[in-house]
Amino acid sequence: MFAFTSFKSPLPPSVNDILDDPDAVHRRYPVRNQRSWRISRHSFLGFNRVYPDTMSSSFYRLYECLVASWVTQFRNELEYFCTSNPTWAVSALPDPEDPDPLRYAILAVLTRLMCDAFNRRIDVGLPRDAPAIVSDFAALAARPKVYEHPPAWADRVPPLSERVFIPDEKGAISDENDEEVSEEFKAVNIIMLRPHIHFI
């Protein structure tokens, strides 16, 4: 009998595929009926099957929404990963071992942004398993703070050899010196606007 970990989540579309048709991301993940797509499509020995959602599947959805500049759904998925699945440690995200350098670089940076978003909540006394409605902030604040860390593989992903520009939701390309450009992505030679990652 094969363990569930033997199954591998298929990698998401390439950056170019998403940018060629960003509306396809909207069609894949409609705001309504989220249960229909909060699933995991794994493949094993050439057979594709649907399983309960996994951290990798949610992580790849974050990547798709980020590249498609779908701010609302990106934030929704970020909150879903953080608060609906508090046992999904960012540091435990499996290495995608992505052969596409651009997608791999974006995934690596995304793990750091996730930690920034989650750790900001933790800093103000909202652990990942905090209830949606908090009745006792003092009790939450008294708990030990458990911070998130990027997975080890993310630190091994090299910057791109050539600069890549990813447009915003209007298709506009940002100047690399624009103050709204993400420093985290710029560090790996990707120029794109700073994503909206914070939610309370």
N, C-alpha and C. Protein backbone atom coordinates (compact mmCIF):
# COMPACT_ATOMS: atom_id res chain seq x y z
N MET A 1 0.85 -1.19 0.00
CA MET A 1 0.00 0.00 0.00
C MET A 1 0.89 1.24 0.00
N PHE A 2 0.56 2.21 -0.87
CA PHE A 2 1.37 3.39 -1.01
C PHE A 2 0.91 4.47 -0.06
N ALA A 3 1.86 5.17 0.56
CA ALA A 3 1.51 6.28 1.46
C ALA A 3 1.02 7.45 0.63
N PHE A 4 0.19 8.28 1.27
CA PHE A 4 -0.34 9.45 0.58
C PHE A 4 0.79 10.36 0.11
N THR A 5 1.91 10.37 0.84
CA THR A 5 3.03 11.23 0.47
C THR A 5 3.69 10.78 -0.83
N SER A 6 3.34 9.59 -1.32
CA SER A 6 3.89 9.13 -2.59
C SER A 6 3.28 9.88 -3.77
N PHE A 7 2.16 10.54 -3.53
CA PHE A 7 1.48 11.25 -4.59
C PHE A 7 2.04 12.66 -4.70
N LYS A 8 2.11 13.16 -5.91
CA LYS A 8 2.72 14.47 -6.16
C LYS A 8 1.70 15.42 -6.76
N SER A 9 1.58 16.62 -6.18
CA SER A 9 0.69 17.64 -6.73
C SER A 9 1.28 18.15 -8.04
N PRO A 10 0.48 18.23 -9.09
CA PRO A 10 1.01 18.76 -10.35
C PRO A 10 1.34 20.24 -10.21
N LEU A 11 2.40 20.66 -10.86
CA LEU A 11 2.81 22.06 -10.80
C LEU A 11 1.76 22.93 -11.49
N PRO A 12 1.63 24.17 -11.04
CA PRO A 12 0.64 25.08 -11.65
C PRO A 12 1.12 25.55 -13.02
N PRO A 13 0.27 26.29 -13.74
CA PRO A 13 0.67 26.80 -15.07
C PRO A 13 1.88 27.71 -14.98
N SER A 14 2.55 27.86 -16.10
CA SER A 14 3.71 28.76 -16.16
C SER A 14 3.24 30.21 -16.06
N VAL A 15 4.17 31.10 -15.78
CA VAL A 15 3.85 32.53 -15.72
C VAL A 15 3.28 33.00 -17.05
N ASN A 16 3.90 32.60 -18.15
CA ASN A 16 3.41 33.03 -19.47
C ASN A 16 2.01 32.53 -19.76
N ASP A 17 1.72 31.28 -19.37
CA ASP A 17 0.37 30.75 -19.59
C ASP A 17 -0.67 31.55 -18.81
N ILE A 18 -0.34 31.91 -17.58
CA ILE A 18 -1.27 32.69 -16.77
C ILE A 18 -1.45 34.09 -17.36
N LEU A 19 -0.35 34.72 -17.75
CA LEU A 19 -0.44 36.08 -18.29
C LEU A 19 -1.13 36.11 -19.65
N ASP A 20 -1.05 35.02 -20.41
CA ASP A 20 -1.75 34.95 -21.70
C ASP A 20 -3.26 34.92 -21.51
N ASP A 21 -3.72 34.38 -20.38
CA ASP A 21 -5.16 34.29 -20.12
C ASP A 21 -5.42 34.35 -18.61
N PRO A 22 -5.25 35.53 -18.00
CA PRO A 22 -5.44 35.62 -16.54
C PRO A 22 -6.86 35.29 -16.10
N ASP A 23 -7.83 35.47 -17.00
CA ASP A 23 -9.22 35.14 -16.63
C ASP A 23 -9.41 33.65 -16.40
N ALA A 24 -8.50 32.83 -16.92
CA ALA A 24 -8.59 31.39 -16.70
C ALA A 24 -8.46 31.06 -15.21
N VAL A 25 -7.68 31.87 -14.50
CA VAL A 25 -7.54 31.67 -13.06
C VAL A 25 -8.88 31.95 -12.38
N HIS A 26 -9.57 32.99 -12.82
CA HIS A 26 -10.90 33.30 -12.28
C HIS A 26 -11.89 32.16 -12.56
N ARG A 27 -11.77 31.58 -13.73
CA ARG A 27 -12.68 30.48 -14.06
C ARG A 27 -12.37 29.22 -13.26
N ARG A 28 -11.09 28.99 -12.98
CA ARG A 28 -10.71 27.81 -12.21
C ARG A 28 -11.13 27.92 -10.75
N TYR A 29 -11.09 29.14 -10.22
CA TYR A 29 -11.36 29.33 -8.79
C TYR A 29 -12.45 30.37 -8.57
N PRO A 30 -13.68 30.08 -9.00
CA PRO A 30 -14.76 31.06 -8.82
C PRO A 30 -15.00 31.33 -7.33
N VAL A 31 -15.36 32.57 -7.04
CA VAL A 31 -15.58 32.96 -5.65
C VAL A 31 -16.69 32.13 -5.02
N ARG A 32 -17.69 31.79 -5.80
CA ARG A 32 -18.77 30.95 -5.29
C ARG A 32 -18.38 29.48 -5.37
N ASN A 33 -18.97 28.69 -4.50
CA ASN A 33 -18.79 27.24 -4.49
C ASN A 33 -17.31 26.86 -4.38
N GLN A 34 -16.64 27.41 -3.37
CA GLN A 34 -15.21 27.16 -3.22
C GLN A 34 -14.90 25.71 -2.88
N ARG A 35 -15.85 25.01 -2.31
CA ARG A 35 -15.61 23.60 -1.98
C ARG A 35 -15.33 22.76 -3.23
N SER A 36 -15.83 23.23 -4.36
CA SER A 36 -15.65 22.45 -5.59
C SER A 36 -14.21 22.49 -6.09
N TRP A 37 -13.44 23.51 -5.69
CA TRP A 37 -12.06 23.58 -6.17
C TRP A 37 -11.03 23.60 -5.05
N ARG A 38 -11.44 23.62 -3.81
CA ARG A 38 -10.48 23.47 -2.71
C ARG A 38 -10.19 21.99 -2.51
N ILE A 39 -9.53 21.45 -3.49
CA ILE A 39 -9.20 20.03 -3.54
C ILE A 39 -7.76 19.88 -4.01
N SER A 40 -7.29 18.67 -4.01
CA SER A 40 -5.94 18.40 -4.46
C SER A 40 -5.98 17.39 -5.59
N ARG A 41 -5.37 17.74 -6.70
CA ARG A 41 -5.28 16.82 -7.83
C ARG A 41 -3.88 16.22 -7.84
N HIS A 42 -3.81 14.96 -7.45
CA HIS A 42 -2.52 14.27 -7.38
C HIS A 42 -2.40 13.28 -8.53
N SER A 43 -1.19 13.02 -8.89
CA SER A 43 -0.95 12.00 -9.91
C SER A 43 0.02 10.97 -9.35
N PHE A 44 -0.20 9.72 -9.72
CA PHE A 44 0.69 8.65 -9.28
C PHE A 44 0.68 7.57 -10.35
N LEU A 45 1.85 7.22 -10.84
CA LEU A 45 1.98 6.21 -11.90
C LEU A 45 1.09 6.53 -13.10
N GLY A 46 0.97 7.85 -13.39
CA GLY A 46 0.22 8.26 -14.57
C GLY A 46 -1.27 8.38 -14.38
N PHE A 47 -1.78 8.08 -13.19
CA PHE A 47 -3.22 8.18 -12.95
C PHE A 47 -3.50 9.44 -12.14
N ASN A 48 -4.51 10.20 -12.55
CA ASN A 48 -4.89 11.42 -11.85
C ASN A 48 -6.14 11.15 -11.02
N ARG A 49 -6.11 11.63 -9.76
CA ARG A 49 -7.26 11.47 -8.89
C ARG A 49 -7.41 12.72 -8.04
N VAL A 50 -8.60 12.90 -7.48
CA VAL A 50 -8.88 14.05 -6.64
C VAL A 50 -8.87 13.62 -5.18
N TYR A 51 -8.18 14.39 -4.35
CA TYR A 51 -8.06 14.10 -2.92
C TYR A 51 -8.42 15.36 -2.13
N PRO A 52 -8.55 15.22 -0.80
CA PRO A 52 -8.77 16.43 0.02
C PRO A 52 -7.65 17.43 -0.19
N ASP A 53 -7.95 18.67 0.10
CA ASP A 53 -7.00 19.75 -0.14
C ASP A 53 -5.70 19.53 0.63
N THR A 54 -4.61 20.04 0.06
CA THR A 54 -3.30 19.94 0.70
C THR A 54 -2.62 21.31 0.69
N MET A 55 -1.57 21.42 1.49
CA MET A 55 -0.85 22.69 1.55
C MET A 55 -0.22 23.04 0.20
N SER A 56 0.25 22.05 -0.54
CA SER A 56 0.86 22.34 -1.84
C SER A 56 -0.18 22.87 -2.82
N SER A 57 -1.38 22.28 -2.81
CA SER A 57 -2.42 22.74 -3.71
C SER A 57 -2.81 24.19 -3.41
N SER A 58 -2.96 24.51 -2.13
CA SER A 58 -3.29 25.88 -1.75
C SER A 58 -2.15 26.83 -2.11
N PHE A 59 -0.93 26.39 -1.90
CA PHE A 59 0.26 27.18 -2.23
C PHE A 59 0.29 27.49 -3.73
N TYR A 60 -0.02 26.51 -4.55
CA TYR A 60 -0.01 26.73 -5.99
C TYR A 60 -1.15 27.65 -6.42
N ARG A 61 -2.29 27.58 -5.73
CA ARG A 61 -3.38 28.52 -6.03
C ARG A 61 -2.96 29.95 -5.70
N LEU A 62 -2.23 30.11 -4.58
CA LEU A 62 -1.70 31.43 -4.23
C LEU A 62 -0.83 31.98 -5.36
N TYR A 63 0.04 31.12 -5.86
CA TYR A 63 0.93 31.52 -6.96
C TYR A 63 0.12 31.97 -8.18
N GLU A 64 -0.90 31.20 -8.55
CA GLU A 64 -1.71 31.55 -9.73
C GLU A 64 -2.40 32.90 -9.54
N CYS A 65 -3.00 33.10 -8.37
CA CYS A 65 -3.70 34.36 -8.11
C CYS A 65 -2.72 35.54 -8.07
N LEU A 66 -1.53 35.30 -7.55
CA LEU A 66 -0.51 36.35 -7.49
C LEU A 66 -0.10 36.78 -8.90
N VAL A 67 0.23 35.82 -9.75
CA VAL A 67 0.69 36.15 -11.10
C VAL A 67 -0.44 36.79 -11.91
N ALA A 68 -1.68 36.34 -11.68
CA ALA A 68 -2.82 36.90 -12.41
C ALA A 68 -3.27 38.24 -11.83
N SER A 69 -2.61 38.70 -10.76
CA SER A 69 -2.95 39.97 -10.09
C SER A 69 -4.40 40.00 -9.62
N TRP A 70 -4.88 38.85 -9.14
CA TRP A 70 -6.23 38.77 -8.60
C TRP A 70 -6.12 38.98 -7.09
N VAL A 71 -6.16 40.23 -6.69
CA VAL A 71 -5.86 40.61 -5.31
C VAL A 71 -6.83 39.98 -4.32
N THR A 72 -8.12 40.04 -4.61
CA THR A 72 -9.12 39.54 -3.66
C THR A 72 -8.95 38.06 -3.39
N GLN A 73 -8.82 37.28 -4.44
CA GLN A 73 -8.71 35.83 -4.24
C GLN A 73 -7.35 35.45 -3.68
N PHE A 74 -6.32 36.22 -4.01
CA PHE A 74 -5.00 35.99 -3.42
C PHE A 74 -5.09 36.15 -1.90
N ARG A 75 -5.73 37.23 -1.46
CA ARG A 75 -5.88 37.46 -0.02
C ARG A 75 -6.77 36.39 0.62
N ASN A 76 -7.84 36.00 -0.09
CA ASN A 76 -8.72 34.95 0.44
C ASN A 76 -7.96 33.64 0.65
N GLU A 77 -7.13 33.29 -0.34
CA GLU A 77 -6.37 32.04 -0.25
C GLU A 77 -5.29 32.12 0.82
N LEU A 78 -4.70 33.29 0.97
CA LEU A 78 -3.69 33.50 2.01
C LEU A 78 -4.31 33.31 3.39
N GLU A 79 -5.50 33.88 3.58
CA GLU A 79 -6.18 33.74 4.86
C GLU A 79 -6.63 32.29 5.08
N TYR A 80 -7.07 31.63 4.02
CA TYR A 80 -7.48 30.23 4.11
C TYR A 80 -6.32 29.35 4.56
N PHE A 81 -5.16 29.55 3.95
CA PHE A 81 -3.98 28.77 4.32
C PHE A 81 -3.61 29.03 5.78
N CYS A 82 -3.65 30.29 6.17
CA CYS A 82 -3.21 30.69 7.50
C CYS A 82 -4.17 30.25 8.60
N THR A 83 -5.45 30.59 8.47
CA THR A 83 -6.37 30.42 9.60
C THR A 83 -7.22 29.15 9.51
N SER A 84 -7.54 28.70 8.31
CA SER A 84 -8.35 27.49 8.20
C SER A 84 -7.51 26.22 8.32
N ASN A 85 -6.22 26.37 8.13
CA ASN A 85 -5.32 25.21 8.19
C ASN A 85 -4.08 25.55 9.01
N PRO A 86 -4.26 25.83 10.30
CA PRO A 86 -3.12 26.28 11.12
C PRO A 86 -2.02 25.24 11.29
N THR A 87 -2.31 23.98 10.97
CA THR A 87 -1.26 22.96 11.09
C THR A 87 -0.36 22.91 9.85
N TRP A 88 -0.71 23.66 8.82
CA TRP A 88 0.13 23.71 7.62
C TRP A 88 1.27 24.70 7.86
N ALA A 89 2.38 24.22 8.37
CA ALA A 89 3.54 25.09 8.60
C ALA A 89 4.18 25.45 7.26
N VAL A 90 4.46 26.72 7.08
CA VAL A 90 5.09 27.16 5.82
C VAL A 90 6.41 26.43 5.62
N SER A 91 7.15 26.21 6.69
CA SER A 91 8.45 25.54 6.59
C SER A 91 8.33 24.11 6.09
N ALA A 92 7.13 23.54 6.17
CA ALA A 92 6.92 22.14 5.75
C ALA A 92 6.47 22.03 4.30
N LEU A 93 6.34 23.15 3.60
CA LEU A 93 5.94 23.07 2.19
C LEU A 93 6.96 22.24 1.42
N PRO A 94 6.51 21.21 0.72
CA PRO A 94 7.46 20.37 -0.03
C PRO A 94 8.15 21.14 -1.15
N ASP A 95 9.36 20.78 -1.41
CA ASP A 95 10.11 21.39 -2.51
C ASP A 95 9.47 21.01 -3.83
N PRO A 96 8.99 21.99 -4.61
CA PRO A 96 8.39 21.65 -5.91
C PRO A 96 9.39 21.11 -6.92
N GLU A 97 10.69 21.35 -6.65
CA GLU A 97 11.74 20.92 -7.58
C GLU A 97 11.37 21.33 -9.01
N ASP A 98 11.01 22.58 -9.14
CA ASP A 98 10.45 23.09 -10.38
C ASP A 98 11.53 23.29 -11.44
N PRO A 99 11.35 22.72 -12.63
CA PRO A 99 12.34 22.91 -13.69
C PRO A 99 12.23 24.29 -14.35
N ASP A 100 11.16 25.03 -14.06
CA ASP A 100 10.96 26.37 -14.63
C ASP A 100 11.57 27.39 -13.66
N PRO A 101 12.70 28.01 -14.00
CA PRO A 101 13.38 28.92 -13.05
C PRO A 101 12.52 30.09 -12.59
N LEU A 102 11.71 30.65 -13.49
CA LEU A 102 10.88 31.79 -13.13
C LEU A 102 9.81 31.38 -12.12
N ARG A 103 9.10 30.31 -12.41
CA ARG A 103 8.05 29.87 -11.49
C ARG A 103 8.65 29.46 -10.15
N TYR A 104 9.81 28.80 -10.20
CA TYR A 104 10.48 28.35 -8.98
C TYR A 104 10.86 29.56 -8.11
N ALA A 105 11.39 30.61 -8.75
CA ALA A 105 11.77 31.81 -8.02
C ALA A 105 10.56 32.48 -7.37
N ILE A 106 9.45 32.53 -8.09
CA ILE A 106 8.24 33.13 -7.53
C ILE A 106 7.74 32.31 -6.35
N LEU A 107 7.73 31.01 -6.48
CA LEU A 107 7.29 30.15 -5.37
C LEU A 107 8.18 30.34 -4.14
N ALA A 108 9.49 30.46 -4.35
CA ALA A 108 10.40 30.65 -3.22
C ALA A 108 10.11 31.97 -2.51
N VAL A 109 9.94 33.05 -3.27
CA VAL A 109 9.64 34.35 -2.66
C VAL A 109 8.28 34.31 -1.97
N LEU A 110 7.34 33.62 -2.57
CA LEU A 110 6.00 33.55 -1.99
C LEU A 110 6.04 32.96 -0.58
N THR A 111 6.91 31.99 -0.33
CA THR A 111 6.99 31.42 1.02
C THR A 111 7.42 32.49 2.02
N ARG A 112 8.29 33.40 1.62
CA ARG A 112 8.74 34.47 2.52
C ARG A 112 7.62 35.46 2.78
N LEU A 113 6.86 35.77 1.73
CA LEU A 113 5.74 36.70 1.90
C LEU A 113 4.67 36.10 2.81
N MET A 114 4.44 34.80 2.67
CA MET A 114 3.48 34.13 3.55
C MET A 114 3.90 34.26 5.00
N CYS A 115 5.19 34.05 5.25
CA CYS A 115 5.70 34.17 6.63
C CYS A 115 5.53 35.59 7.14
N ASP A 116 5.81 36.58 6.30
CA ASP A 116 5.63 37.98 6.71
C ASP A 116 4.18 38.24 7.11
N ALA A 117 3.25 37.75 6.30
CA ALA A 117 1.83 37.97 6.57
C ALA A 117 1.39 37.27 7.84
N PHE A 118 1.76 36.01 7.99
CA PHE A 118 1.32 35.24 9.15
C PHE A 118 1.99 35.74 10.43
N ASN A 119 3.27 36.09 10.34
CA ASN A 119 3.99 36.54 11.53
C ASN A 119 3.53 37.90 12.02
N ARG A 120 3.03 38.72 11.11
CA ARG A 120 2.48 40.01 11.55
C ARG A 120 1.26 39.78 12.43
N ARG A 121 0.41 38.84 12.04
CA ARG A 121 -0.75 38.51 12.87
C ARG A 121 -0.30 37.94 14.22
N ILE A 122 0.69 37.07 14.16
CA ILE A 122 1.19 36.46 15.40
C ILE A 122 1.77 37.53 16.32
N ASP A 123 2.45 38.52 15.74
CA ASP A 123 3.03 39.61 16.53
C ASP A 123 1.97 40.38 17.33
N VAL A 124 0.80 40.56 16.73
CA VAL A 124 -0.25 41.34 17.42
C VAL A 124 -1.12 40.45 18.30
N GLY A 125 -0.71 39.19 18.47
CA GLY A 125 -1.43 38.31 19.39
C GLY A 125 -2.50 37.45 18.77
N LEU A 126 -2.40 37.24 17.44
CA LEU A 126 -3.38 36.39 16.75
C LEU A 126 -2.66 35.17 16.18
N PRO A 127 -2.56 34.09 16.96
CA PRO A 127 -1.94 32.87 16.43
C PRO A 127 -2.76 32.33 15.28
N ARG A 128 -2.18 31.45 14.52
CA ARG A 128 -2.86 30.95 13.32
C ARG A 128 -4.16 30.22 13.64
N ASP A 129 -4.27 29.66 14.83
CA ASP A 129 -5.51 28.96 15.20
C ASP A 129 -6.46 29.83 16.01
N ALA A 130 -6.27 31.15 15.96
CA ALA A 130 -7.17 32.05 16.67
C ALA A 130 -8.58 31.93 16.10
N PRO A 131 -9.61 31.99 16.94
CA PRO A 131 -10.98 31.91 16.44
C PRO A 131 -11.32 33.14 15.60
N ALA A 132 -12.32 33.00 14.72
CA ALA A 132 -12.73 34.12 13.87
C ALA A 132 -13.23 35.29 14.71
N ILE A 133 -13.91 34.97 15.81
CA ILE A 133 -14.39 36.00 16.73
C ILE A 133 -13.65 35.80 18.05
N VAL A 134 -12.82 36.77 18.42
CA VAL A 134 -12.00 36.66 19.62
C VAL A 134 -12.73 37.30 20.79
N SER A 135 -12.95 36.52 21.83
CA SER A 135 -13.62 37.04 23.03
C SER A 135 -12.63 37.38 24.14
N ASP A 136 -11.41 36.85 24.05
CA ASP A 136 -10.42 37.10 25.09
C ASP A 136 -9.05 37.31 24.47
N PHE A 137 -8.77 38.57 24.10
CA PHE A 137 -7.49 38.89 23.48
C PHE A 137 -6.32 38.65 24.44
N ALA A 138 -6.56 38.89 25.73
CA ALA A 138 -5.49 38.73 26.72
C ALA A 138 -5.00 37.28 26.76
N ALA A 139 -5.93 36.34 26.68
CA ALA A 139 -5.56 34.92 26.71
C ALA A 139 -4.74 34.56 25.48
N LEU A 140 -5.12 35.09 24.32
CA LEU A 140 -4.35 34.81 23.10
C LEU A 140 -2.96 35.43 23.18
N ALA A 141 -2.92 36.67 23.66
CA ALA A 141 -1.63 37.38 23.74
C ALA A 141 -0.68 36.70 24.71
N ALA A 142 -1.22 35.99 25.70
CA ALA A 142 -0.38 35.33 26.71
C ALA A 142 0.23 34.04 26.20
N ARG A 143 -0.29 33.53 25.10
CA ARG A 143 0.25 32.28 24.56
C ARG A 143 1.63 32.50 23.96
N PRO A 144 2.50 31.50 24.01
CA PRO A 144 3.81 31.64 23.35
C PRO A 144 3.63 31.90 21.85
N LYS A 145 4.44 32.78 21.33
CA LYS A 145 4.34 33.11 19.91
C LYS A 145 5.16 32.09 19.09
N VAL A 146 4.50 31.43 18.19
CA VAL A 146 5.14 30.44 17.32
C VAL A 146 5.20 31.04 15.91
N TYR A 147 6.39 31.45 15.51
CA TYR A 147 6.53 32.13 14.23
C TYR A 147 6.76 31.15 13.08
N GLU A 148 6.38 31.60 11.89
CA GLU A 148 6.57 30.81 10.67
C GLU A 148 7.93 31.11 10.06
N HIS A 149 8.48 30.12 9.37
CA HIS A 149 9.77 30.27 8.69
C HIS A 149 9.66 29.66 7.30
N PRO A 150 10.34 30.25 6.31
CA PRO A 150 10.32 29.65 4.97
C PRO A 150 10.96 28.27 4.98
N PRO A 151 10.58 27.41 4.06
CA PRO A 151 11.23 26.09 3.97
C PRO A 151 12.68 26.24 3.51
N ALA A 152 13.49 25.27 3.86
CA ALA A 152 14.91 25.33 3.52
C ALA A 152 15.15 25.43 2.02
N TRP A 153 14.31 24.77 1.23
CA TRP A 153 14.53 24.77 -0.22
C TRP A 153 14.41 26.18 -0.82
N ALA A 154 13.59 27.04 -0.19
CA ALA A 154 13.38 28.38 -0.74
C ALA A 154 14.67 29.19 -0.74
N ASP A 155 15.53 28.94 0.23
CA ASP A 155 16.81 29.66 0.30
C ASP A 155 17.80 29.17 -0.75
N ARG A 156 17.55 28.00 -1.30
CA ARG A 156 18.47 27.45 -2.30
C ARG A 156 18.10 27.84 -3.74
N VAL A 157 16.92 28.45 -3.92
CA VAL A 157 16.50 28.82 -5.27
C VAL A 157 17.26 30.08 -5.69
N PRO A 158 18.01 30.03 -6.79
CA PRO A 158 18.85 31.17 -7.18
C PRO A 158 18.03 32.27 -7.85
N PRO A 159 18.56 33.50 -7.82
CA PRO A 159 17.93 34.59 -8.59
C PRO A 159 17.98 34.27 -10.08
N LEU A 160 17.11 34.87 -10.83
CA LEU A 160 17.09 34.67 -12.28
C LEU A 160 18.32 35.35 -12.90
N SER A 161 18.79 34.78 -13.96
CA SER A 161 19.98 35.35 -14.62
C SER A 161 19.64 36.62 -15.40
N GLU A 162 18.38 36.77 -15.80
CA GLU A 162 17.94 37.97 -16.50
C GLU A 162 16.70 38.54 -15.81
N ARG A 163 16.55 39.84 -15.87
CA ARG A 163 15.43 40.52 -15.22
C ARG A 163 14.12 40.21 -15.95
N VAL A 164 13.09 39.94 -15.17
CA VAL A 164 11.77 39.63 -15.72
C VAL A 164 10.77 40.63 -15.14
N PHE A 165 9.88 41.13 -15.99
CA PHE A 165 8.85 42.08 -15.57
C PHE A 165 7.49 41.40 -15.64
N ILE A 166 6.75 41.46 -14.54
CA ILE A 166 5.42 40.87 -14.47
C ILE A 166 4.42 42.02 -14.33
N PRO A 167 3.49 42.15 -15.28
CA PRO A 167 2.57 43.30 -15.27
C PRO A 167 1.54 43.23 -14.14
N ASP A 168 0.93 44.39 -13.86
CA ASP A 168 -0.12 44.44 -12.86
C ASP A 168 -1.46 44.04 -13.50
N GLU A 169 -2.56 44.20 -12.74
CA GLU A 169 -3.87 43.74 -13.24
C GLU A 169 -4.33 44.50 -14.48
N LYS A 170 -3.76 45.68 -14.74
CA LYS A 170 -4.11 46.45 -15.93
C LYS A 170 -3.15 46.18 -17.08
N GLY A 171 -2.19 45.31 -16.86
CA GLY A 171 -1.23 44.99 -17.90
C GLY A 171 -0.06 45.94 -17.94
N ALA A 172 0.04 46.85 -16.97
CA ALA A 172 1.11 47.83 -16.95
C ALA A 172 2.38 47.24 -16.33
N ILE A 173 3.51 47.62 -16.90
CA ILE A 173 4.81 47.19 -16.40
C ILE A 173 5.36 48.28 -15.49
N SER A 174 5.82 47.88 -14.31
CA SER A 174 6.36 48.84 -13.36
C SER A 174 7.83 49.14 -13.65
N ASP A 175 8.23 50.38 -13.36
CA ASP A 175 9.64 50.74 -13.42
C ASP A 175 10.35 50.08 -12.23
N GLU A 176 11.54 49.58 -12.46
CA GLU A 176 12.23 48.85 -11.39
C GLU A 176 12.56 49.73 -10.19
N ASN A 177 12.53 51.05 -10.37
CA ASN A 177 12.82 51.96 -9.26
C ASN A 177 11.55 52.52 -8.62
N ASP A 178 10.41 52.05 -9.06
CA ASP A 178 9.14 52.49 -8.47
C ASP A 178 9.10 52.05 -7.01
N GLU A 179 8.67 52.93 -6.12
CA GLU A 179 8.65 52.58 -4.69
C GLU A 179 7.60 51.52 -4.37
N GLU A 180 6.68 51.25 -5.29
CA GLU A 180 5.66 50.22 -5.07
C GLU A 180 6.12 48.84 -5.52
N VAL A 181 7.31 48.75 -6.10
CA VAL A 181 7.85 47.47 -6.55
C VAL A 181 8.26 46.63 -5.33
N SER A 182 8.00 45.34 -5.41
CA SER A 182 8.35 44.43 -4.31
C SER A 182 9.86 44.23 -4.22
N GLU A 183 10.42 44.54 -3.07
CA GLU A 183 11.85 44.34 -2.87
C GLU A 183 12.20 42.86 -2.82
N GLU A 184 11.28 42.05 -2.29
CA GLU A 184 11.52 40.61 -2.20
C GLU A 184 11.66 40.00 -3.58
N PHE A 185 10.79 40.40 -4.50
CA PHE A 185 10.88 39.87 -5.86
C PHE A 185 12.05 40.50 -6.62
N LYS A 186 12.29 41.75 -6.36
CA LYS A 186 13.42 42.43 -7.03
C LYS A 186 14.73 41.74 -6.70
N ALA A 187 14.83 41.19 -5.50
CA ALA A 187 16.06 40.51 -5.07
C ALA A 187 16.36 39.27 -5.90
N VAL A 188 15.33 38.71 -6.55
CA VAL A 188 15.56 37.54 -7.41
C VAL A 188 15.41 37.90 -8.88
N ASN A 189 15.48 39.22 -9.18
CA ASN A 189 15.45 39.72 -10.56
C ASN A 189 14.05 39.69 -11.18
N ILE A 190 13.03 39.82 -10.36
CA ILE A 190 11.64 39.91 -10.85
C ILE A 190 11.09 41.27 -10.45
N ILE A 191 10.57 42.00 -11.42
CA ILE A 191 10.00 43.31 -11.15
C ILE A 191 8.48 43.21 -11.23
N MET A 192 7.84 43.39 -10.09
CA MET A 192 6.39 43.39 -10.02
C MET A 192 5.97 44.20 -8.80
N LEU A 193 4.72 44.64 -8.80
CA LEU A 193 4.24 45.42 -7.68
C LEU A 193 4.21 44.59 -6.40
N ARG A 194 4.38 45.27 -5.29
CA ARG A 194 4.33 44.63 -3.98
C ARG A 194 2.92 44.07 -3.76
N PRO A 195 2.79 42.77 -3.51
CA PRO A 195 1.45 42.20 -3.32
C PRO A 195 0.86 42.59 -1.97
N HIS A 196 -0.47 42.59 -1.92
CA HIS A 196 -1.18 42.90 -0.67
C HIS A 196 -1.27 41.61 0.16
N ILE A 197 -0.42 41.52 1.16
CA ILE A 197 -0.34 40.26 1.90
C ILE A 197 -0.90 40.33 3.30
N HIS A 198 -1.18 41.52 3.82
CA HIS A 198 -1.56 41.62 5.22
C HIS A 198 -3.08 41.62 5.41
N PHE A 199 -3.51 40.90 6.39
CA PHE A 199 -4.92 40.82 6.74
C PHE A 199 -5.01 40.58 8.24
N ILE A 200 -5.99 41.16 8.88
CA ILE A 200 -6.19 40.98 10.31
C ILE A 200 -7.65 40.57 10.54
